[in-house]
């Protein structure tokens, strides 16, 4: 390690509401190794701590925590470790779901950008055929999950897909149906916020026309 002392503390954000390929997570190990080699002494890594929602936010937190302790760990092995513990018998299907979404964004060289208007940003990437395929994978995962806890974890992942489809939908009636479903199922999962400063009921008032 370099002897140069560096007091900078970079800020790294892994928050993401819609499905988005988890591309920021892919580079964490490489980024942490680079920062270590520059003798950086600390990193502020944040995600969706204000809300239990987000695209596989638990996996992001796990990988971030493990890699901050040791950036030389293998991210793929950490993912497998997490999926087996978090999704149980549904782990392989859930990882297939994650990889397919990631590949869709890689194929379009698309990135999730915090603050973008998600429907416009995602419309070029996500097709109806993709949505149908991803829902099918989540159906399989739900049938494989061996207990209520694992099934709840799969339901949370599915909720992110419902949110994504709802924000992309152009037909007003269908959009309302999807967002009402999102709010209802989020409530059943005891998710109280959809983003920083936005409670579930406020989201419903803002996004679901009367």
N, C-alpha and C. Protein backbone atom coordinates (compact mmCIF):
# COMPACT_ATOMS: atom_id res chain seq x y z
N UNK A 1 0.85 -1.21 0.00
CA UNK A 1 0.00 0.00 0.00
C UNK A 1 0.88 1.25 0.00
N UNK A 2 0.47 2.24 -0.73
CA UNK A 2 1.22 3.49 -0.79
C UNK A 2 1.32 4.12 0.58
N UNK A 3 2.46 4.78 0.84
CA UNK A 3 2.65 5.47 2.11
C UNK A 3 1.98 6.84 2.12
N UNK A 4 1.50 7.29 0.95
CA UNK A 4 0.86 8.60 0.89
C UNK A 4 -0.42 8.60 1.71
N UNK A 5 -0.59 9.59 2.54
CA UNK A 5 -1.78 9.70 3.37
C UNK A 5 -2.85 10.50 2.64
N UNK A 6 -4.03 9.98 2.58
CA UNK A 6 -5.12 10.63 1.87
C UNK A 6 -6.33 10.66 2.78
N UNK A 7 -6.85 11.84 3.02
CA UNK A 7 -7.97 11.97 3.95
C UNK A 7 -9.31 12.06 3.25
N UNK A 8 -9.34 11.93 1.92
CA UNK A 8 -10.61 12.01 1.20
C UNK A 8 -11.47 10.79 1.50
N UNK A 9 -12.77 11.02 1.59
CA UNK A 9 -13.73 9.95 1.83
C UNK A 9 -14.76 9.98 0.70
N UNK A 10 -14.57 9.19 -0.35
CA UNK A 10 -15.52 9.23 -1.47
C UNK A 10 -16.91 8.80 -1.04
N UNK A 11 -17.90 9.34 -1.72
CA UNK A 11 -19.30 8.95 -1.51
C UNK A 11 -19.71 8.05 -2.67
N UNK A 12 -20.24 6.88 -2.34
CA UNK A 12 -20.68 5.93 -3.36
C UNK A 12 -22.12 5.56 -3.07
N UNK A 13 -22.98 5.66 -4.09
CA UNK A 13 -24.41 5.44 -3.91
C UNK A 13 -24.85 4.23 -4.71
N UNK A 14 -25.51 3.26 -4.05
CA UNK A 14 -25.99 2.07 -4.75
C UNK A 14 -27.51 2.02 -4.76
N UNK A 15 -28.18 3.12 -4.42
CA UNK A 15 -29.64 3.11 -4.37
C UNK A 15 -30.24 2.95 -5.76
N UNK A 16 -31.36 2.24 -5.81
CA UNK A 16 -32.04 2.04 -7.09
C UNK A 16 -33.42 1.47 -6.81
N UNK A 17 -34.47 2.10 -7.37
CA UNK A 17 -35.83 1.65 -7.13
C UNK A 17 -36.30 0.64 -8.16
N UNK A 18 -36.13 0.97 -9.43
CA UNK A 18 -36.58 0.09 -10.49
C UNK A 18 -35.53 -0.97 -10.78
N UNK A 19 -35.93 -2.01 -11.55
CA UNK A 19 -34.93 -2.95 -12.01
C UNK A 19 -33.93 -2.18 -12.87
N UNK A 20 -32.65 -2.53 -12.74
CA UNK A 20 -31.67 -1.76 -13.48
C UNK A 20 -30.36 -2.47 -13.75
N UNK A 21 -30.32 -3.77 -13.53
CA UNK A 21 -29.14 -4.51 -13.91
C UNK A 21 -28.03 -4.55 -12.89
N UNK A 22 -28.14 -3.78 -11.80
CA UNK A 22 -27.13 -3.81 -10.73
C UNK A 22 -25.72 -3.51 -11.24
N UNK A 23 -25.62 -2.63 -12.22
CA UNK A 23 -24.30 -2.39 -12.81
C UNK A 23 -23.36 -1.65 -11.88
N UNK A 24 -23.88 -0.80 -11.00
CA UNK A 24 -22.99 -0.11 -10.07
C UNK A 24 -22.32 -1.09 -9.13
N UNK A 25 -23.04 -2.14 -8.74
CA UNK A 25 -22.49 -3.15 -7.84
C UNK A 25 -21.35 -3.92 -8.51
N UNK A 26 -21.45 -4.13 -9.82
CA UNK A 26 -20.45 -4.91 -10.53
C UNK A 26 -19.04 -4.36 -10.34
N UNK A 27 -18.93 -3.05 -10.19
CA UNK A 27 -17.61 -2.42 -10.14
C UNK A 27 -17.13 -2.13 -8.72
N UNK A 28 -17.90 -2.53 -7.72
CA UNK A 28 -17.53 -2.16 -6.35
C UNK A 28 -16.16 -2.70 -5.95
N UNK A 29 -15.91 -3.99 -6.20
CA UNK A 29 -14.64 -4.57 -5.79
C UNK A 29 -13.47 -3.86 -6.45
N UNK A 30 -13.60 -3.62 -7.77
CA UNK A 30 -12.54 -2.92 -8.50
C UNK A 30 -12.35 -1.50 -7.96
N UNK A 31 -13.47 -0.81 -7.68
CA UNK A 31 -13.38 0.56 -7.16
C UNK A 31 -12.72 0.58 -5.79
N UNK A 32 -13.12 -0.38 -4.92
CA UNK A 32 -12.55 -0.41 -3.57
C UNK A 32 -11.05 -0.74 -3.61
N UNK A 33 -10.66 -1.64 -4.51
CA UNK A 33 -9.23 -1.95 -4.62
C UNK A 33 -8.44 -0.74 -5.09
N UNK A 34 -9.02 0.01 -6.03
CA UNK A 34 -8.35 1.23 -6.51
C UNK A 34 -8.21 2.23 -5.37
N UNK A 35 -9.28 2.43 -4.60
CA UNK A 35 -9.23 3.40 -3.50
C UNK A 35 -8.22 2.96 -2.43
N UNK A 36 -8.19 1.67 -2.15
CA UNK A 36 -7.20 1.17 -1.18
C UNK A 36 -5.79 1.44 -1.67
N UNK A 37 -5.53 1.20 -2.94
CA UNK A 37 -4.19 1.39 -3.47
C UNK A 37 -3.78 2.86 -3.51
N UNK A 38 -4.78 3.75 -3.46
CA UNK A 38 -4.49 5.19 -3.37
C UNK A 38 -4.40 5.67 -1.92
N UNK A 39 -4.44 4.73 -0.99
CA UNK A 39 -4.35 5.02 0.45
C UNK A 39 -5.53 5.83 0.96
N UNK A 40 -6.68 5.69 0.31
CA UNK A 40 -7.90 6.32 0.84
C UNK A 40 -8.27 5.61 2.14
N UNK A 41 -8.63 6.38 3.16
CA UNK A 41 -8.85 5.83 4.48
C UNK A 41 -10.30 5.52 4.79
N UNK A 42 -11.22 6.01 3.99
CA UNK A 42 -12.62 5.74 4.29
C UNK A 42 -13.50 5.97 3.08
N UNK A 43 -14.63 5.28 3.05
CA UNK A 43 -15.62 5.43 1.98
C UNK A 43 -16.99 5.54 2.61
N UNK A 44 -17.79 6.49 2.15
CA UNK A 44 -19.19 6.58 2.58
C UNK A 44 -20.03 5.88 1.51
N UNK A 45 -20.51 4.69 1.83
CA UNK A 45 -21.30 3.90 0.89
C UNK A 45 -22.75 3.91 1.34
N UNK A 46 -23.64 4.37 0.48
CA UNK A 46 -25.04 4.44 0.88
C UNK A 46 -25.93 3.75 -0.14
N UNK A 47 -27.09 3.32 0.34
CA UNK A 47 -28.08 2.69 -0.52
C UNK A 47 -29.44 3.20 -0.14
N UNK A 48 -30.40 2.30 0.03
CA UNK A 48 -31.76 2.71 0.38
C UNK A 48 -32.02 2.47 1.87
N UNK A 49 -31.19 3.04 2.70
CA UNK A 49 -31.35 2.85 4.13
C UNK A 49 -32.63 3.44 4.68
N UNK A 50 -33.20 4.42 3.96
CA UNK A 50 -34.42 5.07 4.42
C UNK A 50 -35.66 4.24 4.12
N UNK A 51 -35.52 3.18 3.36
CA UNK A 51 -36.68 2.43 2.91
C UNK A 51 -36.30 1.00 2.62
N UNK A 52 -37.16 0.03 2.94
CA UNK A 52 -36.85 -1.38 2.66
C UNK A 52 -37.19 -1.78 1.23
N UNK A 53 -37.30 -0.80 0.32
CA UNK A 53 -37.62 -1.13 -1.05
C UNK A 53 -36.35 -1.09 -1.89
N UNK A 54 -36.49 -1.15 -3.18
CA UNK A 54 -35.35 -1.03 -4.06
C UNK A 54 -34.99 -2.34 -4.72
N UNK A 55 -34.25 -2.26 -5.81
CA UNK A 55 -33.91 -3.44 -6.59
C UNK A 55 -32.82 -4.24 -5.91
N UNK A 56 -33.21 -5.36 -5.27
CA UNK A 56 -32.28 -6.25 -4.58
C UNK A 56 -31.36 -5.48 -3.64
N UNK A 57 -31.96 -4.57 -2.87
CA UNK A 57 -31.16 -3.70 -2.01
C UNK A 57 -30.42 -4.49 -0.94
N UNK A 58 -30.98 -5.62 -0.51
CA UNK A 58 -30.30 -6.43 0.49
C UNK A 58 -29.01 -7.02 -0.06
N UNK A 59 -29.04 -7.48 -1.31
CA UNK A 59 -27.81 -7.99 -1.93
C UNK A 59 -26.77 -6.89 -2.05
N UNK A 60 -27.21 -5.70 -2.41
CA UNK A 60 -26.28 -4.58 -2.55
C UNK A 60 -25.61 -4.27 -1.21
N UNK A 61 -26.41 -4.26 -0.15
CA UNK A 61 -25.86 -3.97 1.17
C UNK A 61 -24.87 -5.05 1.59
N UNK A 62 -25.20 -6.30 1.31
CA UNK A 62 -24.31 -7.41 1.70
C UNK A 62 -22.99 -7.33 0.96
N UNK A 63 -23.05 -7.17 -0.36
CA UNK A 63 -21.81 -7.08 -1.12
C UNK A 63 -20.99 -5.87 -0.72
N UNK A 64 -21.67 -4.75 -0.53
CA UNK A 64 -20.94 -3.55 -0.15
C UNK A 64 -20.22 -3.71 1.18
N UNK A 65 -20.91 -4.30 2.17
CA UNK A 65 -20.31 -4.48 3.49
C UNK A 65 -19.12 -5.45 3.43
N UNK A 66 -19.30 -6.57 2.73
CA UNK A 66 -18.22 -7.55 2.66
C UNK A 66 -17.01 -7.00 1.91
N UNK A 67 -17.26 -6.30 0.82
CA UNK A 67 -16.15 -5.79 0.02
C UNK A 67 -15.44 -4.62 0.68
N UNK A 68 -16.13 -3.88 1.52
CA UNK A 68 -15.45 -2.81 2.25
C UNK A 68 -14.45 -3.41 3.26
N UNK A 69 -14.79 -4.56 3.82
CA UNK A 69 -13.86 -5.23 4.73
C UNK A 69 -12.69 -5.84 3.96
N UNK A 70 -13.00 -6.39 2.78
CA UNK A 70 -11.94 -7.05 2.01
C UNK A 70 -12.26 -6.95 0.52
N UNK A 71 -11.69 -5.95 -0.17
CA UNK A 71 -12.00 -5.75 -1.58
C UNK A 71 -11.42 -6.83 -2.50
N UNK A 72 -10.63 -7.74 -1.94
CA UNK A 72 -10.07 -8.82 -2.75
C UNK A 72 -11.00 -10.04 -2.82
N UNK A 73 -12.11 -10.00 -2.13
CA UNK A 73 -13.07 -11.09 -2.22
C UNK A 73 -13.68 -11.15 -3.62
N UNK A 74 -14.15 -12.32 -4.00
CA UNK A 74 -14.75 -12.53 -5.31
C UNK A 74 -16.22 -12.13 -5.27
N UNK A 75 -16.63 -11.08 -6.00
CA UNK A 75 -18.03 -10.64 -5.96
C UNK A 75 -19.02 -11.72 -6.40
N UNK A 76 -18.64 -12.54 -7.37
CA UNK A 76 -19.55 -13.60 -7.82
C UNK A 76 -19.79 -14.62 -6.72
N UNK A 77 -18.73 -14.97 -6.00
CA UNK A 77 -18.89 -15.90 -4.88
C UNK A 77 -19.75 -15.28 -3.78
N UNK A 78 -19.58 -13.98 -3.53
CA UNK A 78 -20.40 -13.30 -2.53
C UNK A 78 -21.86 -13.29 -2.95
N UNK A 79 -22.14 -13.08 -4.23
CA UNK A 79 -23.52 -13.12 -4.72
C UNK A 79 -24.13 -14.50 -4.48
N UNK A 80 -23.39 -15.55 -4.84
CA UNK A 80 -23.91 -16.90 -4.64
C UNK A 80 -24.18 -17.16 -3.17
N UNK A 81 -23.27 -16.73 -2.33
CA UNK A 81 -23.42 -16.88 -0.88
C UNK A 81 -24.68 -16.19 -0.40
N UNK A 82 -24.89 -14.97 -0.87
CA UNK A 82 -26.07 -14.21 -0.46
C UNK A 82 -27.35 -14.87 -0.96
N UNK A 83 -27.38 -15.21 -2.24
CA UNK A 83 -28.61 -15.77 -2.82
C UNK A 83 -29.00 -17.07 -2.15
N UNK A 84 -28.03 -17.91 -1.85
CA UNK A 84 -28.35 -19.19 -1.19
C UNK A 84 -28.92 -18.97 0.19
N UNK A 85 -28.40 -17.98 0.91
CA UNK A 85 -28.90 -17.71 2.26
C UNK A 85 -30.24 -16.98 2.23
N UNK A 86 -30.43 -16.07 1.28
CA UNK A 86 -31.60 -15.19 1.28
C UNK A 86 -32.80 -15.80 0.56
N UNK A 87 -32.54 -16.54 -0.52
CA UNK A 87 -33.64 -17.10 -1.31
C UNK A 87 -33.78 -18.62 -1.19
N UNK A 88 -32.83 -19.27 -0.52
CA UNK A 88 -32.94 -20.70 -0.30
C UNK A 88 -33.01 -21.49 -1.60
N UNK A 89 -34.01 -22.36 -1.73
CA UNK A 89 -34.14 -23.22 -2.91
C UNK A 89 -34.47 -22.42 -4.18
N UNK A 90 -34.86 -21.18 -4.02
CA UNK A 90 -35.14 -20.33 -5.18
C UNK A 90 -33.91 -19.57 -5.65
N UNK A 91 -32.75 -19.83 -5.05
CA UNK A 91 -31.55 -19.03 -5.32
C UNK A 91 -31.14 -19.05 -6.78
N UNK A 92 -31.10 -20.23 -7.40
CA UNK A 92 -30.62 -20.31 -8.78
C UNK A 92 -31.53 -19.56 -9.74
N UNK A 93 -32.85 -19.66 -9.53
CA UNK A 93 -33.79 -18.96 -10.41
C UNK A 93 -33.70 -17.45 -10.18
N UNK A 94 -33.55 -17.03 -8.93
CA UNK A 94 -33.44 -15.60 -8.66
C UNK A 94 -32.15 -15.03 -9.25
N UNK A 95 -31.08 -15.83 -9.24
CA UNK A 95 -29.85 -15.35 -9.85
C UNK A 95 -29.99 -15.30 -11.36
N UNK A 96 -30.72 -16.24 -11.94
CA UNK A 96 -31.00 -16.19 -13.38
C UNK A 96 -31.78 -14.92 -13.72
N UNK A 97 -32.75 -14.58 -12.88
CA UNK A 97 -33.53 -13.34 -13.05
C UNK A 97 -32.61 -12.12 -13.01
N UNK A 98 -31.73 -12.08 -12.02
CA UNK A 98 -30.79 -10.95 -11.90
C UNK A 98 -29.90 -10.86 -13.12
N UNK A 99 -29.37 -12.00 -13.59
CA UNK A 99 -28.45 -11.99 -14.71
C UNK A 99 -29.14 -11.57 -16.01
N UNK A 100 -30.40 -11.98 -16.18
CA UNK A 100 -31.11 -11.59 -17.41
C UNK A 100 -31.36 -10.09 -17.46
N UNK A 101 -31.73 -9.51 -16.33
CA UNK A 101 -31.93 -8.06 -16.29
C UNK A 101 -30.61 -7.34 -16.55
N UNK A 102 -29.56 -7.81 -15.91
CA UNK A 102 -28.24 -7.21 -16.11
C UNK A 102 -27.85 -7.26 -17.59
N UNK A 103 -28.07 -8.41 -18.23
CA UNK A 103 -27.67 -8.55 -19.63
C UNK A 103 -28.47 -7.62 -20.53
N UNK A 104 -29.75 -7.42 -20.21
CA UNK A 104 -30.57 -6.50 -21.01
C UNK A 104 -29.98 -5.10 -21.00
N UNK A 105 -29.50 -4.66 -19.85
CA UNK A 105 -28.91 -3.32 -19.76
C UNK A 105 -27.52 -3.28 -20.41
N UNK A 106 -26.76 -4.38 -20.30
CA UNK A 106 -25.47 -4.43 -20.97
C UNK A 106 -25.64 -4.39 -22.49
N UNK A 107 -26.64 -5.11 -22.99
CA UNK A 107 -26.87 -5.15 -24.44
C UNK A 107 -27.17 -3.77 -25.01
N UNK A 108 -27.78 -2.92 -24.18
CA UNK A 108 -28.11 -1.56 -24.64
C UNK A 108 -27.11 -0.52 -24.12
N UNK A 109 -26.05 -1.00 -23.45
CA UNK A 109 -25.07 -0.09 -22.84
C UNK A 109 -25.78 0.97 -22.01
N UNK A 110 -26.78 0.52 -21.25
CA UNK A 110 -27.61 1.43 -20.47
C UNK A 110 -27.23 1.34 -18.99
N UNK A 111 -27.32 2.46 -18.34
CA UNK A 111 -27.02 2.56 -16.91
C UNK A 111 -28.21 3.20 -16.21
N UNK A 112 -28.43 2.77 -14.96
CA UNK A 112 -29.37 3.51 -14.11
C UNK A 112 -28.67 4.78 -13.66
N UNK A 113 -29.31 5.92 -13.85
CA UNK A 113 -28.74 7.20 -13.43
C UNK A 113 -29.68 7.84 -12.41
N UNK A 114 -29.18 8.01 -11.20
CA UNK A 114 -30.00 8.58 -10.13
C UNK A 114 -30.53 9.94 -10.55
N UNK A 115 -31.84 10.11 -10.44
CA UNK A 115 -32.46 11.38 -10.77
C UNK A 115 -33.06 11.42 -12.16
N UNK A 116 -32.84 10.39 -12.97
CA UNK A 116 -33.44 10.39 -14.30
C UNK A 116 -34.92 10.09 -14.20
N UNK A 117 -35.66 10.47 -15.24
CA UNK A 117 -37.06 10.10 -15.35
C UNK A 117 -37.12 8.65 -15.81
N UNK A 118 -37.47 7.76 -14.91
CA UNK A 118 -37.31 6.34 -15.18
C UNK A 118 -38.06 5.84 -16.41
N UNK A 119 -39.32 6.21 -16.63
CA UNK A 119 -40.00 5.68 -17.82
C UNK A 119 -39.26 6.00 -19.12
N UNK A 120 -38.80 7.23 -19.26
CA UNK A 120 -38.10 7.62 -20.48
C UNK A 120 -36.75 6.90 -20.57
N UNK A 121 -36.09 6.74 -19.44
CA UNK A 121 -34.77 6.15 -19.41
C UNK A 121 -34.82 4.65 -19.71
N UNK A 122 -35.87 3.96 -19.26
CA UNK A 122 -35.93 2.51 -19.38
C UNK A 122 -36.67 2.03 -20.62
N UNK A 123 -37.44 2.89 -21.26
CA UNK A 123 -38.30 2.45 -22.35
C UNK A 123 -37.52 1.81 -23.49
N UNK A 124 -36.29 2.24 -23.71
CA UNK A 124 -35.50 1.69 -24.80
C UNK A 124 -34.90 0.34 -24.45
N UNK A 125 -34.97 -0.06 -23.20
CA UNK A 125 -34.32 -1.28 -22.74
C UNK A 125 -35.33 -2.40 -22.49
N UNK A 126 -36.41 -2.10 -21.80
CA UNK A 126 -37.33 -3.12 -21.31
C UNK A 126 -38.53 -3.25 -22.24
N UNK A 127 -38.74 -4.45 -22.77
CA UNK A 127 -39.86 -4.72 -23.66
C UNK A 127 -40.93 -5.53 -22.92
N UNK A 128 -42.11 -5.62 -23.51
CA UNK A 128 -43.17 -6.44 -22.92
C UNK A 128 -42.76 -7.91 -22.84
N UNK A 129 -42.01 -8.37 -23.84
CA UNK A 129 -41.54 -9.76 -23.84
C UNK A 129 -40.59 -10.00 -22.67
N UNK A 130 -39.72 -9.03 -22.39
CA UNK A 130 -38.81 -9.17 -21.26
C UNK A 130 -39.58 -9.22 -19.95
N UNK A 131 -40.56 -8.33 -19.80
CA UNK A 131 -41.36 -8.31 -18.58
C UNK A 131 -42.04 -9.66 -18.36
N UNK A 132 -42.62 -10.21 -19.43
CA UNK A 132 -43.29 -11.50 -19.32
C UNK A 132 -42.31 -12.58 -18.90
N UNK A 133 -41.12 -12.57 -19.48
CA UNK A 133 -40.09 -13.56 -19.12
C UNK A 133 -39.68 -13.40 -17.67
N UNK A 134 -39.48 -12.19 -17.22
CA UNK A 134 -39.02 -11.97 -15.84
C UNK A 134 -40.11 -12.32 -14.83
N UNK A 135 -41.36 -12.02 -15.14
CA UNK A 135 -42.45 -12.45 -14.25
C UNK A 135 -42.50 -13.98 -14.17
N UNK A 136 -42.25 -14.65 -15.30
CA UNK A 136 -42.25 -16.11 -15.31
C UNK A 136 -41.16 -16.67 -14.40
N UNK A 137 -39.98 -16.06 -14.44
CA UNK A 137 -38.90 -16.49 -13.55
C UNK A 137 -39.28 -16.29 -12.08
N UNK A 138 -39.91 -15.17 -11.78
CA UNK A 138 -40.31 -14.91 -10.39
C UNK A 138 -41.40 -15.87 -9.95
N UNK A 139 -42.29 -16.26 -10.87
CA UNK A 139 -43.29 -17.27 -10.54
C UNK A 139 -42.61 -18.59 -10.15
N UNK A 140 -41.62 -18.98 -10.93
CA UNK A 140 -40.87 -20.20 -10.63
C UNK A 140 -40.18 -20.09 -9.28
N UNK A 141 -39.55 -18.95 -9.04
CA UNK A 141 -38.85 -18.76 -7.77
C UNK A 141 -39.81 -18.85 -6.59
N UNK A 142 -40.98 -18.23 -6.74
CA UNK A 142 -41.97 -18.28 -5.66
C UNK A 142 -42.42 -19.69 -5.37
N UNK A 143 -42.54 -20.53 -6.42
CA UNK A 143 -42.96 -21.91 -6.21
C UNK A 143 -41.87 -22.76 -5.57
N UNK A 144 -40.61 -22.35 -5.73
CA UNK A 144 -39.50 -23.10 -5.16
C UNK A 144 -39.17 -22.69 -3.72
N UNK A 145 -39.49 -21.45 -3.36
CA UNK A 145 -39.16 -20.96 -2.01
C UNK A 145 -39.78 -21.87 -0.96
N UNK A 146 -38.99 -22.26 0.03
CA UNK A 146 -39.40 -23.32 0.94
C UNK A 146 -40.15 -22.88 2.18
N UNK A 147 -40.21 -21.58 2.44
CA UNK A 147 -40.94 -21.13 3.62
C UNK A 147 -41.44 -19.70 3.40
N UNK A 148 -42.22 -19.20 4.35
CA UNK A 148 -42.84 -17.89 4.20
C UNK A 148 -41.81 -16.77 4.09
N UNK A 149 -40.70 -16.90 4.81
CA UNK A 149 -39.67 -15.86 4.77
C UNK A 149 -39.06 -15.76 3.38
N UNK A 150 -38.71 -16.92 2.80
CA UNK A 150 -38.11 -16.91 1.46
C UNK A 150 -39.13 -16.45 0.42
N UNK A 151 -40.40 -16.85 0.59
CA UNK A 151 -41.43 -16.39 -0.36
C UNK A 151 -41.62 -14.89 -0.27
N UNK A 152 -41.51 -14.34 0.93
CA UNK A 152 -41.62 -12.89 1.09
C UNK A 152 -40.47 -12.18 0.36
N UNK A 153 -39.28 -12.75 0.41
CA UNK A 153 -38.14 -12.16 -0.28
C UNK A 153 -38.37 -12.14 -1.79
N UNK A 154 -38.94 -13.21 -2.32
CA UNK A 154 -39.25 -13.24 -3.75
C UNK A 154 -40.34 -12.22 -4.08
N UNK A 155 -41.33 -12.10 -3.20
CA UNK A 155 -42.40 -11.11 -3.43
C UNK A 155 -41.84 -9.70 -3.49
N UNK A 156 -40.86 -9.40 -2.65
CA UNK A 156 -40.25 -8.07 -2.68
C UNK A 156 -39.56 -7.81 -4.01
N UNK A 157 -38.87 -8.82 -4.52
CA UNK A 157 -38.23 -8.65 -5.83
C UNK A 157 -39.27 -8.44 -6.91
N UNK A 158 -40.37 -9.16 -6.83
CA UNK A 158 -41.44 -9.02 -7.82
C UNK A 158 -42.07 -7.62 -7.73
N UNK A 159 -42.15 -7.08 -6.53
CA UNK A 159 -42.73 -5.76 -6.36
C UNK A 159 -41.95 -4.70 -7.13
N UNK A 160 -40.63 -4.84 -7.17
CA UNK A 160 -39.81 -3.92 -7.95
C UNK A 160 -40.16 -3.98 -9.43
N UNK A 161 -40.46 -5.18 -9.91
CA UNK A 161 -40.83 -5.33 -11.31
C UNK A 161 -42.20 -4.72 -11.59
N UNK A 162 -43.14 -4.87 -10.65
CA UNK A 162 -44.46 -4.24 -10.79
C UNK A 162 -44.31 -2.72 -10.85
N UNK A 163 -43.46 -2.18 -9.97
CA UNK A 163 -43.21 -0.73 -9.97
C UNK A 163 -42.64 -0.28 -11.32
N UNK A 164 -41.66 -1.04 -11.83
CA UNK A 164 -41.04 -0.70 -13.11
C UNK A 164 -42.06 -0.72 -14.24
N UNK A 165 -42.86 -1.79 -14.29
CA UNK A 165 -43.87 -1.88 -15.34
C UNK A 165 -44.88 -0.75 -15.23
N UNK A 166 -45.27 -0.42 -14.00
CA UNK A 166 -46.23 0.66 -13.80
C UNK A 166 -45.72 2.01 -14.26
N UNK A 167 -44.44 2.28 -14.02
CA UNK A 167 -43.88 3.57 -14.44
C UNK A 167 -43.70 3.64 -15.96
N UNK A 168 -43.52 2.48 -16.60
CA UNK A 168 -43.34 2.45 -18.05
C UNK A 168 -44.65 2.49 -18.82
N UNK A 169 -45.72 1.99 -18.20
CA UNK A 169 -46.99 1.82 -18.90
C UNK A 169 -47.55 3.16 -19.38
N UNK A 170 -48.00 3.19 -20.65
CA UNK A 170 -48.55 4.40 -21.23
C UNK A 170 -50.08 4.45 -21.18
N UNK A 171 -50.73 3.31 -21.15
CA UNK A 171 -52.19 3.28 -21.09
C UNK A 171 -52.64 3.68 -19.68
N UNK A 172 -53.44 4.74 -19.54
CA UNK A 172 -53.80 5.24 -18.20
C UNK A 172 -54.49 4.20 -17.32
N UNK A 173 -55.40 3.42 -17.89
CA UNK A 173 -56.13 2.44 -17.09
C UNK A 173 -55.20 1.34 -16.59
N UNK A 174 -54.37 0.85 -17.48
CA UNK A 174 -53.43 -0.20 -17.10
C UNK A 174 -52.40 0.33 -16.11
N UNK A 175 -51.94 1.56 -16.32
CA UNK A 175 -50.98 2.17 -15.41
C UNK A 175 -51.58 2.27 -14.01
N UNK A 176 -52.82 2.71 -13.93
CA UNK A 176 -53.48 2.83 -12.63
C UNK A 176 -53.58 1.45 -11.96
N UNK A 177 -53.95 0.45 -12.73
CA UNK A 177 -54.07 -0.91 -12.20
C UNK A 177 -52.75 -1.39 -11.60
N UNK A 178 -51.65 -1.16 -12.34
CA UNK A 178 -50.34 -1.62 -11.88
C UNK A 178 -49.88 -0.87 -10.63
N UNK A 179 -50.07 0.45 -10.62
CA UNK A 179 -49.61 1.23 -9.47
C UNK A 179 -50.47 0.97 -8.25
N UNK A 180 -51.76 0.73 -8.44
CA UNK A 180 -52.61 0.34 -7.31
C UNK A 180 -52.16 -1.00 -6.75
N UNK A 181 -51.80 -1.91 -7.63
CA UNK A 181 -51.29 -3.21 -7.19
C UNK A 181 -49.98 -3.03 -6.42
N UNK A 182 -49.11 -2.16 -6.93
CA UNK A 182 -47.85 -1.89 -6.24
C UNK A 182 -48.10 -1.38 -4.83
N UNK A 183 -48.98 -0.40 -4.70
CA UNK A 183 -49.26 0.18 -3.38
C UNK A 183 -49.87 -0.87 -2.45
N UNK A 184 -50.82 -1.64 -2.97
CA UNK A 184 -51.47 -2.67 -2.15
C UNK A 184 -50.46 -3.72 -1.65
N UNK A 185 -49.64 -4.23 -2.57
CA UNK A 185 -48.71 -5.28 -2.19
C UNK A 185 -47.57 -4.74 -1.33
N UNK A 186 -47.17 -3.50 -1.57
CA UNK A 186 -46.16 -2.88 -0.70
C UNK A 186 -46.69 -2.78 0.72
N UNK A 187 -47.97 -2.40 0.86
CA UNK A 187 -48.57 -2.34 2.19
C UNK A 187 -48.59 -3.70 2.86
N UNK A 188 -48.91 -4.75 2.09
CA UNK A 188 -48.94 -6.11 2.64
C UNK A 188 -47.55 -6.55 3.12
N UNK A 189 -46.51 -6.03 2.47
CA UNK A 189 -45.14 -6.36 2.86
C UNK A 189 -44.59 -5.39 3.90
N UNK A 190 -45.44 -4.50 4.39
CA UNK A 190 -45.06 -3.52 5.41
C UNK A 190 -43.98 -2.55 4.93
N UNK A 191 -44.00 -2.24 3.65
CA UNK A 191 -43.11 -1.23 3.10
C UNK A 191 -43.81 0.12 3.22
N UNK A 192 -43.22 1.02 3.96
CA UNK A 192 -43.87 2.29 4.28
C UNK A 192 -43.43 3.44 3.41
N UNK A 193 -42.29 3.30 2.73
CA UNK A 193 -41.79 4.39 1.90
C UNK A 193 -41.39 3.86 0.53
N UNK A 194 -41.53 4.69 -0.48
CA UNK A 194 -41.10 4.31 -1.81
C UNK A 194 -39.81 5.00 -2.21
N UNK A 195 -39.45 6.05 -1.53
CA UNK A 195 -38.20 6.76 -1.77
C UNK A 195 -37.98 7.70 -0.61
N UNK A 196 -36.84 8.39 -0.63
CA UNK A 196 -36.53 9.29 0.47
C UNK A 196 -37.59 10.38 0.58
N UNK A 197 -38.24 10.46 1.73
CA UNK A 197 -39.22 11.51 1.97
C UNK A 197 -40.59 11.24 1.39
N UNK A 198 -40.79 10.09 0.74
CA UNK A 198 -42.08 9.79 0.12
C UNK A 198 -42.67 8.54 0.73
N UNK A 199 -43.71 8.73 1.56
CA UNK A 199 -44.41 7.60 2.13
C UNK A 199 -45.29 6.93 1.10
N UNK A 200 -45.77 5.75 1.42
CA UNK A 200 -46.56 4.98 0.47
C UNK A 200 -47.85 5.71 0.08
N UNK A 201 -48.52 6.30 1.06
CA UNK A 201 -49.77 6.99 0.75
C UNK A 201 -49.53 8.26 -0.07
N UNK A 202 -48.46 8.95 0.21
CA UNK A 202 -48.12 10.13 -0.59
C UNK A 202 -47.83 9.72 -2.03
N UNK A 203 -47.12 8.60 -2.20
CA UNK A 203 -46.85 8.08 -3.55
C UNK A 203 -48.16 7.79 -4.27
N UNK A 204 -49.11 7.18 -3.56
CA UNK A 204 -50.40 6.85 -4.17
C UNK A 204 -51.14 8.10 -4.60
N UNK A 205 -51.17 9.13 -3.73
CA UNK A 205 -51.87 10.37 -4.07
C UNK A 205 -51.24 11.05 -5.28
N UNK A 206 -49.91 10.99 -5.37
CA UNK A 206 -49.21 11.69 -6.42
C UNK A 206 -49.29 10.96 -7.77
N UNK A 207 -49.29 9.63 -7.72
CA UNK A 207 -49.13 8.86 -8.96
C UNK A 207 -50.37 8.14 -9.44
N UNK A 208 -51.39 8.03 -8.60
CA UNK A 208 -52.62 7.35 -8.99
C UNK A 208 -53.74 8.36 -9.03
N UNK A 209 -54.15 8.71 -10.23
CA UNK A 209 -55.17 9.75 -10.37
C UNK A 209 -56.51 9.23 -9.86
N UNK A 210 -57.32 10.10 -9.25
CA UNK A 210 -58.61 9.67 -8.68
C UNK A 210 -59.60 9.26 -9.77
